[in-house]
Amino acid sequence: LRNFLMNIDQKTPYGGIGISLEAIASVAGKAASECYGVVGLASKNKNLVDNVAILLNTEEFSKGVTIRRTAKKEYEVDVYLFGASGVKLSEVLSEVQKKVKYDLERTFGIKFHAVNVYIQDVREVEQQ
């Protein structure tokens, strides 16, 4: 069974710090949404019919990111997103994994064992 978290508590030379899951989701969501080939974040809701209509705003990134601690006390992040049609999705997945992991570890000073990326749907990119 996986252990779902409320906060991640870190000890520093200056005292304890509680890192909220919303803060982690915000950093992970921003990092993922900046990657080429990502249209936006999707809801982690398993009901794909509902997901087709939902593209999350910046304030809602926690709905598209899950953080958990494994039995080995390692942290994992799941990111749910919409991919762009016409791009090599395997490359998009790889880049999202690298960028999210790098940004989270740099921002919070915590090692993340895995970043799992799930493409909920593929969409056309709107030209602006």
Protein backbone atom coordinates (compact mmCIF):
# COMPACT_ATOMS: atom_id res chain seq x y z
CA LEU A 1 0.00 0.00 0.00
CA ARG A 2 1.22 3.47 -0.79
CA ASN A 3 1.26 6.14 1.86
CA PHE A 4 -0.48 9.35 0.72
CA LEU A 5 0.79 12.50 2.40
CA MET A 6 -0.58 15.70 3.85
CA ASN A 7 2.79 17.49 4.16
CA ILE A 8 6.44 16.69 3.80
CA ASP A 9 8.38 17.65 6.91
CA GLN A 10 12.05 18.55 6.50
CA LYS A 11 14.59 19.27 9.18
CA THR A 12 17.17 21.97 8.49
CA PRO A 13 19.93 23.53 10.61
CA TYR A 14 17.49 26.42 11.18
CA GLY A 15 14.52 24.28 12.30
CA GLY A 16 11.71 22.25 10.79
CA ILE A 17 9.90 23.08 7.59
CA GLY A 18 6.54 21.71 6.47
CA ILE A 19 6.17 21.62 2.69
CA SER A 20 2.55 21.49 1.57
CA LEU A 21 1.47 19.21 -1.22
CA GLU A 22 -0.06 22.23 -2.95
CA ALA A 23 3.40 23.83 -3.10
CA ILE A 24 4.90 20.68 -4.60
CA ALA A 25 2.00 20.35 -7.05
CA SER A 26 2.40 23.98 -8.07
CA VAL A 27 6.11 23.60 -8.84
CA ALA A 28 5.57 20.25 -10.61
CA GLY A 29 2.63 21.57 -12.63
CA LYS A 30 4.46 24.72 -13.69
CA ALA A 31 7.52 22.70 -14.73
CA ALA A 32 5.42 20.23 -16.73
CA SER A 33 3.32 22.90 -18.43
CA GLU A 34 6.47 24.69 -19.65
CA CYS A 35 7.68 21.63 -21.59
CA TYR A 36 7.36 21.45 -25.36
CA GLY A 37 4.49 19.21 -26.41
CA VAL A 38 2.42 19.75 -23.27
CA VAL A 39 -0.94 21.41 -23.86
CA GLY A 40 -1.71 21.61 -20.14
CA LEU A 41 -2.36 19.62 -17.00
CA ALA A 42 -5.31 17.26 -16.75
CA SER A 43 -7.30 16.08 -13.78
CA LYS A 44 -5.99 12.89 -12.18
CA ASN A 45 -9.61 11.73 -12.02
CA LYS A 46 -9.87 8.26 -13.56
CA ASN A 47 -13.11 9.17 -15.36
CA LEU A 48 -11.66 9.98 -18.77
CA VAL A 49 -14.98 11.27 -20.10
CA ASP A 50 -14.79 14.16 -17.63
CA ASN A 51 -11.10 14.78 -18.39
CA VAL A 52 -11.70 15.49 -22.06
CA ALA A 53 -13.29 18.80 -21.15
CA ILE A 54 -10.97 19.81 -18.28
CA LEU A 55 -7.73 21.70 -18.83
CA LEU A 56 -6.49 22.84 -15.42
CA ASN A 57 -5.63 26.44 -14.56
CA THR A 58 -2.48 27.33 -12.67
CA GLU A 59 -4.45 27.49 -9.40
CA GLU A 60 -5.69 23.92 -9.93
CA PHE A 61 -2.38 22.09 -10.47
CA SER A 62 -2.96 20.04 -7.31
CA LYS A 63 -5.80 18.28 -9.17
CA GLY A 64 -3.32 17.06 -11.79
CA VAL A 65 -0.40 16.08 -9.54
CA THR A 66 -0.18 13.34 -6.90
CA ILE A 67 2.66 13.05 -4.38
CA ARG A 68 3.17 9.97 -2.23
CA ARG A 69 5.75 8.19 -0.11
CA THR A 70 6.48 4.56 -0.92
CA ALA A 71 7.05 1.75 1.57
CA LYS A 72 10.79 2.45 1.22
CA LYS A 73 10.13 6.05 2.33
CA GLU A 74 10.94 7.45 -1.10
CA TYR A 75 8.87 10.21 -2.69
CA GLU A 76 7.09 9.74 -6.01
CA VAL A 77 5.18 12.24 -8.10
CA ASP A 78 2.49 11.49 -10.69
CA VAL A 79 1.72 14.17 -13.28
CA TYR A 80 -1.38 13.96 -15.50
CA LEU A 81 -1.38 16.03 -18.67
CA PHE A 82 -2.68 16.66 -22.16
CA GLY A 83 -0.13 16.09 -24.91
CA ALA A 84 0.00 17.95 -28.20
CA SER A 85 -0.88 16.04 -31.33
CA GLY A 86 1.83 15.75 -33.96
CA VAL A 87 4.75 15.50 -31.53
CA LYS A 88 6.69 12.44 -30.41
CA LEU A 89 5.00 11.70 -27.09
CA SER A 90 7.86 9.54 -25.80
CA GLU A 91 10.15 12.59 -26.03
CA VAL A 92 7.57 14.77 -24.30
CA LEU A 93 7.26 12.25 -21.46
CA SER A 94 11.02 12.06 -21.02
CA GLU A 95 11.43 15.85 -20.96
CA VAL A 96 8.57 16.31 -18.50
CA GLN A 97 10.08 13.70 -16.17
CA LYS A 98 13.51 15.36 -16.25
CA LYS A 99 12.25 18.93 -15.82
CA VAL A 100 9.77 18.14 -13.04
CA LYS A 101 12.34 16.10 -11.10
CA TYR A 102 15.03 18.78 -11.50
CA ASP A 103 12.73 21.67 -10.51
CA LEU A 104 11.31 19.85 -7.48
CA GLU A 105 14.71 18.77 -6.15
CA ARG A 106 16.23 22.21 -6.74
CA THR A 107 13.30 24.06 -5.16
CA PHE A 108 12.70 21.88 -2.10
CA GLY A 109 16.02 20.11 -1.53
CA ILE A 110 14.26 16.72 -1.44
CA LYS A 111 15.17 13.72 -3.56
CA PHE A 112 12.30 12.33 -5.63
CA HIS A 113 12.63 8.66 -6.51
CA ALA A 114 10.29 8.76 -9.51
CA VAL A 115 8.27 11.15 -11.63
CA ASN A 116 5.51 9.27 -13.44
CA VAL A 117 3.83 11.06 -16.34
CA TYR A 118 0.43 10.06 -17.68
CA ILE A 119 -1.03 11.49 -20.87
CA GLN A 120 -4.79 11.64 -20.40
CA ASP A 121 -5.55 12.85 -23.92
CA VAL A 122 -3.93 14.27 -27.05
CA ARG A 123 -5.13 17.63 -28.34
CA GLU A 124 -4.49 19.99 -31.19
CA VAL A 125 -2.43 23.00 -30.18
CA GLU A 126 -4.34 26.22 -30.69
CA GLN A 127 -2.41 28.76 -32.75
CA GLN A 128 -2.24 32.20 -31.19
